[in-house]
């Protein structure tokens, strides 16, 4: 079982330290609750750029790295697997594209045993579904599936947008992925499940 951490009004990359600490406290409480109910994994979002970024370039990146290290230490204490999700366009997440995550891995210098929650719909918005799976096949432990028009993060039912689902499933199979596929469609959930089962048959 997986639990998704808080994502409304929390920014682990905030340059204002009290706000960053607040975000971490919320995340830690969520992780603790997930551990209590027996969840094996916990998903969280990356930090966000703010207006301060204009005056202090890179501060949100440094704060996000600091927070990721703290989150993974806490997860290790609790015996739960923390999974970092790729952010969506046009929200100003610092980690959205393949090159962002490559930089993250380089900057972490092996300090963190990074594992990922791969959001297919988010990757569709920057045209990197296949690239992401190929680049991080060994790190992906959890997959979110929903559709969109390639422009907005609509969380449509599967097959109602521009995602090429047969290609997605084939890419995951070729990568050796055997984890969960979590439907995150806002509507048409049952339809999405039927659609997904037909692809997996």
N, C-alpha and C. Protein backbone atom coordinates (compact mmCIF):
# COMPACT_ATOMS: atom_id res chain seq x y z
N UNK A 1 0.84 -1.19 0.00
CA UNK A 1 0.00 0.00 0.00
C UNK A 1 0.88 1.25 0.00
N UNK A 2 0.46 2.25 -0.77
CA UNK A 2 1.19 3.52 -0.84
C UNK A 2 0.30 4.65 -0.36
N UNK A 3 0.90 5.64 0.25
CA UNK A 3 0.20 6.85 0.70
C UNK A 3 0.84 8.05 0.01
N UNK A 4 0.00 8.95 -0.49
CA UNK A 4 0.50 10.19 -1.10
C UNK A 4 0.59 11.26 -0.03
N UNK A 5 1.75 11.90 0.05
CA UNK A 5 1.95 12.96 1.02
C UNK A 5 1.19 14.22 0.67
N UNK A 6 1.18 15.21 1.58
CA UNK A 6 0.50 16.48 1.33
C UNK A 6 1.09 17.20 0.12
N UNK A 7 0.22 17.88 -0.64
CA UNK A 7 0.74 18.61 -1.80
C UNK A 7 0.08 19.98 -1.98
N UNK A 8 -0.84 20.35 -1.10
CA UNK A 8 -1.48 21.66 -1.19
C UNK A 8 -0.80 22.62 -0.22
N UNK A 9 -0.31 23.74 -0.75
CA UNK A 9 0.32 24.78 0.07
C UNK A 9 1.50 24.27 0.90
N UNK A 10 2.28 23.37 0.33
CA UNK A 10 3.53 22.95 0.97
C UNK A 10 4.64 23.05 -0.07
N UNK A 11 5.78 23.55 0.36
CA UNK A 11 6.91 23.72 -0.57
C UNK A 11 8.20 23.36 0.14
N UNK A 12 8.71 22.16 -0.17
CA UNK A 12 9.95 21.72 0.48
C UNK A 12 11.17 22.47 -0.06
N UNK A 13 10.97 23.29 -1.09
CA UNK A 13 12.05 24.09 -1.63
C UNK A 13 11.95 25.56 -1.25
N UNK A 14 11.09 25.88 -0.29
CA UNK A 14 10.90 27.28 0.08
C UNK A 14 12.19 27.91 0.59
N UNK A 15 12.53 29.11 0.10
CA UNK A 15 13.72 29.80 0.59
C UNK A 15 13.54 30.38 1.99
N UNK A 16 12.27 30.44 2.45
CA UNK A 16 11.97 30.95 3.78
C UNK A 16 11.96 29.76 4.74
N UNK A 17 12.96 29.68 5.58
CA UNK A 17 13.19 28.48 6.38
C UNK A 17 11.98 28.06 7.23
N UNK A 18 11.26 28.98 7.89
CA UNK A 18 10.08 28.54 8.64
C UNK A 18 9.03 27.85 7.76
N UNK A 19 8.89 28.30 6.52
CA UNK A 19 7.94 27.65 5.61
C UNK A 19 8.44 26.27 5.18
N UNK A 20 9.73 26.17 4.95
CA UNK A 20 10.29 24.87 4.59
C UNK A 20 10.14 23.89 5.74
N UNK A 21 10.41 24.35 6.96
CA UNK A 21 10.27 23.48 8.13
C UNK A 21 8.81 23.07 8.32
N UNK A 22 7.89 24.00 8.07
CA UNK A 22 6.46 23.67 8.16
C UNK A 22 6.10 22.57 7.17
N UNK A 23 6.60 22.69 5.93
CA UNK A 23 6.33 21.67 4.92
C UNK A 23 6.88 20.32 5.36
N UNK A 24 8.08 20.31 5.92
CA UNK A 24 8.67 19.06 6.37
C UNK A 24 7.89 18.46 7.54
N UNK A 25 7.43 19.30 8.46
CA UNK A 25 6.63 18.78 9.58
C UNK A 25 5.37 18.10 9.07
N UNK A 26 4.71 18.72 8.10
CA UNK A 26 3.51 18.11 7.52
C UNK A 26 3.85 16.79 6.84
N UNK A 27 4.95 16.77 6.12
CA UNK A 27 5.37 15.54 5.46
C UNK A 27 5.71 14.45 6.48
N UNK A 28 6.41 14.82 7.53
CA UNK A 28 6.79 13.83 8.54
C UNK A 28 5.55 13.24 9.22
N UNK A 29 4.57 14.09 9.53
CA UNK A 29 3.33 13.58 10.14
C UNK A 29 2.63 12.61 9.20
N UNK A 30 2.61 12.96 7.92
CA UNK A 30 1.99 12.09 6.93
C UNK A 30 2.73 10.75 6.84
N UNK A 31 4.06 10.81 6.83
CA UNK A 31 4.86 9.59 6.78
C UNK A 31 4.62 8.72 8.00
N UNK A 32 4.54 9.36 9.16
CA UNK A 32 4.30 8.61 10.40
C UNK A 32 2.94 7.92 10.37
N UNK A 33 1.93 8.62 9.85
CA UNK A 33 0.60 8.02 9.73
C UNK A 33 0.63 6.86 8.74
N UNK A 34 1.35 7.04 7.64
CA UNK A 34 1.46 5.97 6.64
C UNK A 34 2.12 4.73 7.25
N UNK A 35 3.16 4.95 8.04
CA UNK A 35 3.84 3.82 8.68
C UNK A 35 2.92 3.11 9.67
N UNK A 36 2.11 3.89 10.40
CA UNK A 36 1.20 3.29 11.39
C UNK A 36 0.16 2.39 10.74
N UNK A 37 -0.30 2.75 9.54
CA UNK A 37 -1.33 1.93 8.90
C UNK A 37 -0.72 0.82 8.03
N UNK A 38 0.59 0.71 8.07
CA UNK A 38 1.24 -0.39 7.38
C UNK A 38 1.58 -0.16 5.93
N UNK A 39 1.60 1.11 5.50
CA UNK A 39 1.97 1.40 4.11
C UNK A 39 3.44 1.06 3.88
N UNK A 40 3.73 0.58 2.70
CA UNK A 40 5.12 0.23 2.37
C UNK A 40 5.85 1.40 1.72
N UNK A 41 5.08 2.33 1.12
CA UNK A 41 5.72 3.46 0.43
C UNK A 41 4.91 4.73 0.62
N UNK A 42 5.60 5.85 0.41
CA UNK A 42 5.01 7.18 0.62
C UNK A 42 5.54 8.10 -0.48
N UNK A 43 4.63 8.77 -1.17
CA UNK A 43 4.96 9.58 -2.35
C UNK A 43 4.94 11.06 -2.00
N UNK A 44 5.92 11.82 -2.51
CA UNK A 44 5.93 13.26 -2.26
C UNK A 44 6.35 14.03 -3.49
N UNK A 45 5.98 15.32 -3.50
CA UNK A 45 6.27 16.21 -4.62
C UNK A 45 7.57 16.98 -4.38
N UNK A 46 8.25 17.39 -5.46
CA UNK A 46 9.46 18.20 -5.31
C UNK A 46 9.15 19.64 -4.90
N UNK A 47 10.21 20.40 -4.63
CA UNK A 47 10.04 21.80 -4.28
C UNK A 47 9.62 22.65 -5.47
N UNK A 48 9.22 23.89 -5.15
CA UNK A 48 8.73 24.83 -6.17
C UNK A 48 9.56 26.10 -6.19
N UNK A 49 9.68 26.68 -7.38
CA UNK A 49 10.28 28.01 -7.49
C UNK A 49 9.29 29.05 -6.99
N UNK A 50 9.82 30.14 -6.44
CA UNK A 50 8.98 31.24 -5.96
C UNK A 50 9.51 32.55 -6.54
N UNK A 51 8.87 33.66 -6.17
CA UNK A 51 9.32 34.97 -6.63
C UNK A 51 10.73 35.30 -6.18
N UNK A 52 11.15 34.70 -5.07
CA UNK A 52 12.49 34.95 -4.53
C UNK A 52 13.57 34.42 -5.47
N UNK A 53 13.20 33.40 -6.27
CA UNK A 53 14.16 32.78 -7.19
C UNK A 53 14.78 33.81 -8.13
N UNK A 54 14.00 34.81 -8.50
CA UNK A 54 14.48 35.84 -9.43
C UNK A 54 15.69 36.57 -8.83
N UNK A 55 15.66 36.79 -7.51
CA UNK A 55 16.72 37.54 -6.85
C UNK A 55 17.85 36.63 -6.34
N UNK A 56 17.50 35.38 -6.06
CA UNK A 56 18.50 34.43 -5.54
C UNK A 56 18.42 33.14 -6.36
N UNK A 57 18.95 33.16 -7.58
CA UNK A 57 18.85 31.97 -8.44
C UNK A 57 19.46 30.73 -7.78
N UNK A 58 18.72 29.64 -7.86
CA UNK A 58 19.23 28.37 -7.35
C UNK A 58 18.90 28.07 -5.91
N UNK A 59 18.33 29.05 -5.18
CA UNK A 59 18.07 28.82 -3.76
C UNK A 59 17.05 27.71 -3.57
N UNK A 60 16.03 27.67 -4.43
CA UNK A 60 14.99 26.64 -4.28
C UNK A 60 15.55 25.25 -4.58
N UNK A 61 16.54 25.18 -5.44
CA UNK A 61 17.18 23.89 -5.73
C UNK A 61 17.95 23.39 -4.50
N UNK A 62 18.73 24.27 -3.91
CA UNK A 62 19.50 23.89 -2.72
C UNK A 62 18.59 23.48 -1.58
N UNK A 63 17.50 24.22 -1.38
CA UNK A 63 16.56 23.89 -0.31
C UNK A 63 15.84 22.57 -0.59
N UNK A 64 15.52 22.32 -1.85
CA UNK A 64 14.88 21.05 -2.20
C UNK A 64 15.80 19.89 -1.91
N UNK A 65 17.07 20.00 -2.28
CA UNK A 65 18.04 18.94 -1.98
C UNK A 65 18.15 18.70 -0.48
N UNK A 66 18.21 19.79 0.28
CA UNK A 66 18.30 19.66 1.73
C UNK A 66 17.08 18.91 2.27
N UNK A 67 15.90 19.27 1.77
CA UNK A 67 14.66 18.63 2.24
C UNK A 67 14.60 17.17 1.83
N UNK A 68 15.02 16.86 0.61
CA UNK A 68 15.00 15.47 0.15
C UNK A 68 15.88 14.61 1.06
N UNK A 69 17.04 15.11 1.42
CA UNK A 69 17.91 14.35 2.33
C UNK A 69 17.23 14.11 3.67
N UNK A 70 16.56 15.13 4.19
CA UNK A 70 15.87 14.99 5.48
C UNK A 70 14.70 14.02 5.38
N UNK A 71 13.97 14.09 4.28
CA UNK A 71 12.82 13.19 4.08
C UNK A 71 13.28 11.74 4.00
N UNK A 72 14.36 11.49 3.29
CA UNK A 72 14.83 10.10 3.17
C UNK A 72 15.40 9.58 4.49
N UNK A 73 15.99 10.45 5.28
CA UNK A 73 16.45 10.02 6.61
C UNK A 73 15.27 9.63 7.49
N UNK A 74 14.22 10.45 7.44
CA UNK A 74 13.02 10.17 8.23
C UNK A 74 12.36 8.87 7.76
N UNK A 75 12.29 8.68 6.45
CA UNK A 75 11.68 7.46 5.91
C UNK A 75 12.46 6.22 6.36
N UNK A 76 13.78 6.34 6.40
CA UNK A 76 14.60 5.21 6.84
C UNK A 76 14.32 4.89 8.31
N UNK A 77 14.18 5.94 9.13
CA UNK A 77 13.86 5.74 10.55
C UNK A 77 12.54 4.99 10.72
N UNK A 78 11.57 5.33 9.86
CA UNK A 78 10.22 4.76 9.97
C UNK A 78 10.09 3.42 9.25
N UNK A 79 11.07 3.06 8.47
CA UNK A 79 10.99 1.81 7.72
C UNK A 79 10.00 1.86 6.57
N UNK A 80 9.88 3.03 5.96
CA UNK A 80 8.97 3.20 4.83
C UNK A 80 9.76 3.73 3.64
N UNK A 81 9.34 3.38 2.44
CA UNK A 81 10.07 3.79 1.24
C UNK A 81 9.51 5.12 0.73
N UNK A 82 10.35 6.16 0.69
CA UNK A 82 9.94 7.46 0.16
C UNK A 82 10.16 7.49 -1.34
N UNK A 83 9.15 7.97 -2.07
CA UNK A 83 9.19 7.99 -3.53
C UNK A 83 8.95 9.41 -4.02
N UNK A 84 9.92 9.97 -4.73
CA UNK A 84 9.83 11.33 -5.26
C UNK A 84 9.12 11.31 -6.61
N UNK A 85 8.09 12.13 -6.74
CA UNK A 85 7.29 12.18 -7.98
C UNK A 85 7.79 13.29 -8.90
N UNK A 86 7.76 13.02 -10.21
CA UNK A 86 8.09 14.06 -11.19
C UNK A 86 6.96 15.09 -11.24
N UNK A 87 7.32 16.38 -11.17
CA UNK A 87 6.33 17.45 -11.15
C UNK A 87 5.66 17.67 -12.50
N UNK A 88 4.61 18.48 -12.46
CA UNK A 88 3.81 18.73 -13.66
C UNK A 88 4.02 20.13 -14.21
N UNK A 89 3.79 20.28 -15.50
CA UNK A 89 3.73 21.60 -16.13
C UNK A 89 2.30 22.15 -15.96
N UNK A 90 2.11 23.46 -15.90
CA UNK A 90 3.11 24.52 -15.88
C UNK A 90 3.52 24.93 -14.47
N UNK A 91 3.17 24.13 -13.48
CA UNK A 91 3.54 24.44 -12.09
C UNK A 91 5.06 24.52 -11.98
N UNK A 92 5.60 25.51 -11.25
CA UNK A 92 7.06 25.72 -11.24
C UNK A 92 7.85 24.77 -10.34
N UNK A 93 7.61 23.47 -10.47
CA UNK A 93 8.40 22.49 -9.73
C UNK A 93 9.85 22.53 -10.22
N UNK A 94 10.78 22.26 -9.34
CA UNK A 94 12.18 22.26 -9.75
C UNK A 94 12.58 20.93 -10.39
N UNK A 95 11.75 19.91 -10.23
CA UNK A 95 12.04 18.59 -10.80
C UNK A 95 10.86 18.12 -11.64
N UNK A 96 11.03 18.26 -12.97
CA UNK A 96 9.97 17.84 -13.89
C UNK A 96 10.52 16.98 -15.02
N UNK A 97 11.66 17.36 -15.54
CA UNK A 97 12.20 16.73 -16.74
C UNK A 97 13.33 15.75 -16.42
N UNK A 98 13.65 14.94 -17.41
CA UNK A 98 14.73 13.96 -17.26
C UNK A 98 16.01 14.64 -16.79
N UNK A 99 16.36 15.75 -17.43
CA UNK A 99 17.61 16.43 -17.09
C UNK A 99 17.60 16.96 -15.65
N UNK A 100 16.43 17.31 -15.13
CA UNK A 100 16.32 17.75 -13.73
C UNK A 100 16.70 16.61 -12.79
N UNK A 101 16.18 15.43 -13.07
CA UNK A 101 16.45 14.28 -12.21
C UNK A 101 17.88 13.78 -12.37
N UNK A 102 18.44 13.92 -13.56
CA UNK A 102 19.85 13.57 -13.75
C UNK A 102 20.73 14.50 -12.91
N UNK A 103 20.39 15.79 -12.90
CA UNK A 103 21.14 16.74 -12.08
C UNK A 103 20.98 16.41 -10.59
N UNK A 104 19.76 16.03 -10.20
CA UNK A 104 19.51 15.68 -8.81
C UNK A 104 20.40 14.51 -8.37
N UNK A 105 20.42 13.47 -9.18
CA UNK A 105 21.24 12.31 -8.84
C UNK A 105 22.71 12.69 -8.72
N UNK A 106 23.17 13.57 -9.60
CA UNK A 106 24.55 14.02 -9.55
C UNK A 106 24.83 14.81 -8.28
N UNK A 107 23.91 15.72 -7.94
CA UNK A 107 24.12 16.59 -6.78
C UNK A 107 23.97 15.84 -5.45
N UNK A 108 23.16 14.79 -5.42
CA UNK A 108 22.99 14.02 -4.19
C UNK A 108 24.23 13.20 -3.87
N UNK A 109 25.03 12.92 -4.88
CA UNK A 109 26.32 12.23 -4.72
C UNK A 109 26.20 10.91 -3.95
N UNK A 110 25.10 10.21 -4.17
CA UNK A 110 24.92 8.92 -3.52
C UNK A 110 24.50 8.99 -2.07
N UNK A 111 24.23 10.21 -1.56
CA UNK A 111 23.81 10.36 -0.16
C UNK A 111 22.46 9.73 0.11
N UNK A 112 21.63 9.65 -0.94
CA UNK A 112 20.25 9.18 -0.81
C UNK A 112 20.02 8.04 -1.79
N UNK A 113 19.37 6.99 -1.32
CA UNK A 113 18.99 5.88 -2.20
C UNK A 113 17.67 6.27 -2.87
N UNK A 114 17.78 7.15 -3.87
CA UNK A 114 16.61 7.76 -4.48
C UNK A 114 15.74 6.72 -5.20
N UNK A 115 14.43 6.80 -4.94
CA UNK A 115 13.45 5.99 -5.64
C UNK A 115 12.34 6.93 -6.12
N UNK A 116 11.71 6.58 -7.24
CA UNK A 116 10.79 7.50 -7.89
C UNK A 116 9.38 6.95 -8.03
N UNK A 117 8.42 7.88 -7.97
CA UNK A 117 7.05 7.63 -8.39
C UNK A 117 6.90 8.33 -9.73
N UNK A 118 6.73 7.56 -10.78
CA UNK A 118 6.68 8.12 -12.13
C UNK A 118 5.24 8.44 -12.51
N UNK A 119 4.96 9.72 -12.77
CA UNK A 119 3.63 10.15 -13.18
C UNK A 119 3.60 10.29 -14.70
N UNK A 120 2.85 9.38 -15.34
CA UNK A 120 2.80 9.34 -16.81
C UNK A 120 2.18 10.62 -17.37
N UNK A 121 1.09 11.08 -16.78
CA UNK A 121 0.43 12.28 -17.27
C UNK A 121 1.33 13.50 -17.20
N UNK A 122 2.09 13.62 -16.12
CA UNK A 122 3.02 14.75 -15.98
C UNK A 122 4.10 14.69 -17.06
N UNK A 123 4.64 13.50 -17.28
CA UNK A 123 5.69 13.35 -18.31
C UNK A 123 5.15 13.61 -19.71
N UNK A 124 3.87 13.35 -19.92
CA UNK A 124 3.26 13.61 -21.24
C UNK A 124 3.29 15.09 -21.57
N UNK A 125 3.22 15.93 -20.55
CA UNK A 125 3.16 17.38 -20.78
C UNK A 125 4.50 17.95 -21.26
N UNK A 126 5.59 17.25 -21.00
CA UNK A 126 6.87 17.71 -21.58
C UNK A 126 7.43 16.71 -22.58
N UNK A 127 6.59 15.78 -23.03
CA UNK A 127 6.97 14.86 -24.10
C UNK A 127 8.10 13.92 -23.76
N UNK A 128 8.17 13.50 -22.48
CA UNK A 128 9.32 12.69 -22.06
C UNK A 128 8.94 11.35 -21.43
N UNK A 129 7.81 10.80 -21.80
CA UNK A 129 7.40 9.53 -21.19
C UNK A 129 8.45 8.45 -21.43
N UNK A 130 8.75 8.21 -22.70
CA UNK A 130 9.70 7.15 -23.04
C UNK A 130 11.09 7.45 -22.47
N UNK A 131 11.52 8.69 -22.59
CA UNK A 131 12.85 9.08 -22.11
C UNK A 131 12.98 8.85 -20.60
N UNK A 132 11.91 9.18 -19.86
CA UNK A 132 11.95 9.05 -18.41
C UNK A 132 12.06 7.58 -18.00
N UNK A 133 11.26 6.74 -18.64
CA UNK A 133 11.29 5.31 -18.31
C UNK A 133 12.66 4.72 -18.62
N UNK A 134 13.22 5.08 -19.77
CA UNK A 134 14.53 4.55 -20.14
C UNK A 134 15.63 5.04 -19.21
N UNK A 135 15.56 6.32 -18.83
CA UNK A 135 16.63 6.90 -18.01
C UNK A 135 16.61 6.38 -16.58
N UNK A 136 15.41 6.12 -16.05
CA UNK A 136 15.30 5.82 -14.61
C UNK A 136 14.58 4.51 -14.32
N UNK A 137 14.68 3.57 -15.25
CA UNK A 137 13.96 2.30 -15.09
C UNK A 137 14.27 1.61 -13.77
N UNK A 138 15.51 1.71 -13.31
CA UNK A 138 15.88 1.04 -12.07
C UNK A 138 15.42 1.76 -10.82
N UNK A 139 14.97 3.01 -10.97
CA UNK A 139 14.56 3.81 -9.81
C UNK A 139 13.05 3.89 -9.64
N UNK A 140 12.30 3.58 -10.71
CA UNK A 140 10.84 3.72 -10.67
C UNK A 140 10.23 2.55 -9.90
N UNK A 141 9.52 2.88 -8.80
CA UNK A 141 8.90 1.86 -7.96
C UNK A 141 7.39 1.98 -7.89
N UNK A 142 6.84 3.01 -8.54
CA UNK A 142 5.42 3.32 -8.40
C UNK A 142 5.05 4.16 -9.62
N UNK A 143 3.89 3.91 -10.22
CA UNK A 143 3.51 4.64 -11.44
C UNK A 143 2.08 5.17 -11.31
N UNK A 144 1.92 6.46 -11.59
CA UNK A 144 0.59 7.09 -11.65
C UNK A 144 0.15 7.14 -13.11
N UNK A 145 -1.08 6.72 -13.38
CA UNK A 145 -1.59 6.75 -14.75
C UNK A 145 -2.85 7.61 -14.83
N UNK A 146 -2.83 8.55 -15.74
CA UNK A 146 -3.98 9.39 -16.08
C UNK A 146 -3.64 10.04 -17.41
N UNK A 147 -4.62 10.65 -18.04
CA UNK A 147 -4.42 11.18 -19.39
C UNK A 147 -4.60 12.69 -19.41
N UNK A 148 -4.15 13.32 -20.49
CA UNK A 148 -4.35 14.75 -20.70
C UNK A 148 -4.18 15.07 -22.18
N UNK A 149 -4.35 16.34 -22.51
CA UNK A 149 -4.28 16.77 -23.91
C UNK A 149 -2.88 17.19 -24.34
N UNK A 150 -1.89 16.95 -23.50
CA UNK A 150 -0.52 17.36 -23.81
C UNK A 150 -0.24 18.81 -23.49
N UNK A 151 -1.25 19.51 -22.97
CA UNK A 151 -1.10 20.94 -22.66
C UNK A 151 -1.38 21.26 -21.20
N UNK A 152 -2.37 20.58 -20.60
CA UNK A 152 -2.78 20.86 -19.22
C UNK A 152 -2.89 19.56 -18.44
N UNK A 153 -2.63 19.64 -17.15
CA UNK A 153 -2.66 18.47 -16.27
C UNK A 153 -4.11 18.16 -15.88
N UNK A 154 -4.85 17.57 -16.80
CA UNK A 154 -6.30 17.42 -16.67
C UNK A 154 -6.72 16.18 -15.88
N UNK A 155 -5.85 15.22 -15.71
CA UNK A 155 -6.18 13.96 -15.03
C UNK A 155 -7.43 13.33 -15.63
N UNK A 156 -7.41 13.17 -16.94
CA UNK A 156 -8.52 12.55 -17.67
C UNK A 156 -8.47 11.03 -17.52
N UNK A 157 -9.59 10.41 -17.90
CA UNK A 157 -9.62 8.97 -17.97
C UNK A 157 -8.65 8.47 -19.02
N UNK A 158 -8.13 7.26 -18.82
CA UNK A 158 -7.18 6.68 -19.77
C UNK A 158 -7.84 6.51 -21.14
N UNK A 159 -7.14 6.95 -22.19
CA UNK A 159 -7.68 6.86 -23.53
C UNK A 159 -8.45 8.09 -23.97
N UNK A 160 -8.60 9.07 -23.07
CA UNK A 160 -9.35 10.29 -23.39
C UNK A 160 -8.43 11.46 -23.72
N UNK A 161 -7.14 11.21 -23.82
CA UNK A 161 -6.19 12.27 -24.13
C UNK A 161 -5.19 11.83 -25.18
N UNK A 162 -3.98 12.36 -25.07
CA UNK A 162 -2.97 12.12 -26.11
C UNK A 162 -1.90 11.10 -25.72
N UNK A 163 -1.98 10.55 -24.52
CA UNK A 163 -0.99 9.55 -24.11
C UNK A 163 -1.14 8.29 -24.96
N UNK A 164 -0.03 7.80 -25.47
CA UNK A 164 -0.03 6.55 -26.24
C UNK A 164 0.15 5.40 -25.24
N UNK A 165 -0.96 4.86 -24.77
CA UNK A 165 -0.91 3.89 -23.69
C UNK A 165 -0.25 2.57 -24.06
N UNK A 166 -0.48 2.02 -25.26
CA UNK A 166 0.26 0.80 -25.60
C UNK A 166 1.77 0.99 -25.53
N UNK A 167 2.26 2.17 -25.97
CA UNK A 167 3.70 2.45 -25.88
C UNK A 167 4.16 2.55 -24.43
N UNK A 168 3.33 3.16 -23.58
CA UNK A 168 3.68 3.29 -22.17
C UNK A 168 3.83 1.92 -21.53
N UNK A 169 2.84 1.07 -21.73
CA UNK A 169 2.87 -0.27 -21.13
C UNK A 169 4.06 -1.06 -21.66
N UNK A 170 4.31 -0.97 -22.96
CA UNK A 170 5.46 -1.68 -23.54
C UNK A 170 6.78 -1.19 -22.95
N UNK A 171 6.89 0.14 -22.78
CA UNK A 171 8.12 0.71 -22.22
C UNK A 171 8.34 0.22 -20.79
N UNK A 172 7.27 0.19 -20.00
CA UNK A 172 7.38 -0.28 -18.62
C UNK A 172 7.73 -1.77 -18.57
N UNK A 173 7.14 -2.53 -19.47
CA UNK A 173 7.46 -3.97 -19.52
C UNK A 173 8.92 -4.19 -19.89
N UNK A 174 9.38 -3.45 -20.89
CA UNK A 174 10.77 -3.59 -21.33
C UNK A 174 11.75 -3.17 -20.23
N UNK A 175 11.30 -2.22 -19.40
CA UNK A 175 12.14 -1.76 -18.29
C UNK A 175 12.11 -2.73 -17.11
N UNK A 176 11.25 -3.74 -17.19
CA UNK A 176 11.15 -4.72 -16.11
C UNK A 176 10.31 -4.26 -14.94
N UNK A 177 9.46 -3.25 -15.18
CA UNK A 177 8.63 -2.73 -14.08
C UNK A 177 7.55 -3.73 -13.70
N UNK A 178 7.43 -4.00 -12.40
CA UNK A 178 6.43 -4.95 -11.90
C UNK A 178 5.62 -4.36 -10.74
N UNK A 179 5.70 -3.05 -10.56
CA UNK A 179 5.02 -2.41 -9.45
C UNK A 179 3.60 -2.00 -9.78
N UNK A 180 2.97 -1.24 -8.88
CA UNK A 180 1.57 -0.83 -9.07
C UNK A 180 1.40 0.22 -10.16
N UNK A 181 0.22 0.20 -10.78
CA UNK A 181 -0.22 1.25 -11.70
C UNK A 181 -1.43 1.89 -11.04
N UNK A 182 -1.27 3.10 -10.54
CA UNK A 182 -2.32 3.77 -9.77
C UNK A 182 -3.09 4.73 -10.66
N UNK A 183 -4.38 4.47 -10.85
CA UNK A 183 -5.22 5.33 -11.68
C UNK A 183 -5.50 6.62 -10.93
N UNK A 184 -5.13 7.76 -11.52
CA UNK A 184 -5.35 9.07 -10.91
C UNK A 184 -6.30 9.93 -11.73
N UNK A 185 -7.18 9.31 -12.47
CA UNK A 185 -8.18 10.05 -13.24
C UNK A 185 -9.20 10.65 -12.28
N UNK A 186 -9.61 11.89 -12.54
CA UNK A 186 -10.60 12.54 -11.69
C UNK A 186 -11.98 11.93 -11.92
N UNK A 187 -12.29 11.64 -13.16
CA UNK A 187 -13.55 11.00 -13.53
C UNK A 187 -13.23 9.77 -14.38
N UNK A 188 -14.26 9.01 -14.73
CA UNK A 188 -14.10 7.83 -15.60
C UNK A 188 -13.09 6.83 -15.02
N UNK A 189 -13.13 6.67 -13.71
CA UNK A 189 -12.17 5.79 -13.05
C UNK A 189 -12.40 4.33 -13.45
N UNK A 190 -13.66 3.87 -13.40
CA UNK A 190 -13.95 2.49 -13.76
C UNK A 190 -13.60 2.23 -15.23
N UNK A 191 -13.94 3.18 -16.06
CA UNK A 191 -13.60 3.08 -17.49
C UNK A 191 -12.08 2.96 -17.66
N UNK A 192 -11.34 3.72 -16.87
CA UNK A 192 -9.88 3.67 -16.94
C UNK A 192 -9.35 2.31 -16.50
N UNK A 193 -9.96 1.73 -15.47
CA UNK A 193 -9.54 0.42 -15.00
C UNK A 193 -9.77 -0.65 -16.07
N UNK A 194 -10.93 -0.58 -16.72
CA UNK A 194 -11.24 -1.53 -17.78
C UNK A 194 -10.25 -1.36 -18.94
N UNK A 195 -9.98 -0.11 -19.29
CA UNK A 195 -9.03 0.20 -20.36
C UNK A 195 -7.64 -0.35 -20.03
N UNK A 196 -7.22 -0.14 -18.79
CA UNK A 196 -5.90 -0.59 -18.36
C UNK A 196 -5.81 -2.11 -18.37
N UNK A 197 -6.85 -2.76 -17.90
CA UNK A 197 -6.85 -4.23 -17.89
C UNK A 197 -6.76 -4.79 -19.30
N UNK A 198 -7.40 -4.11 -20.24
CA UNK A 198 -7.34 -4.60 -21.63
C UNK A 198 -5.92 -4.51 -22.18
N UNK A 199 -5.17 -3.48 -21.76
CA UNK A 199 -3.79 -3.33 -22.21
C UNK A 199 -2.87 -4.37 -21.57
N UNK A 200 -3.20 -4.75 -20.36
CA UNK A 200 -2.34 -5.68 -19.62
C UNK A 200 -2.65 -7.14 -19.91
N UNK A 201 -3.79 -7.37 -20.57
CA UNK A 201 -4.22 -8.76 -20.83
C UNK A 201 -3.25 -9.48 -21.76
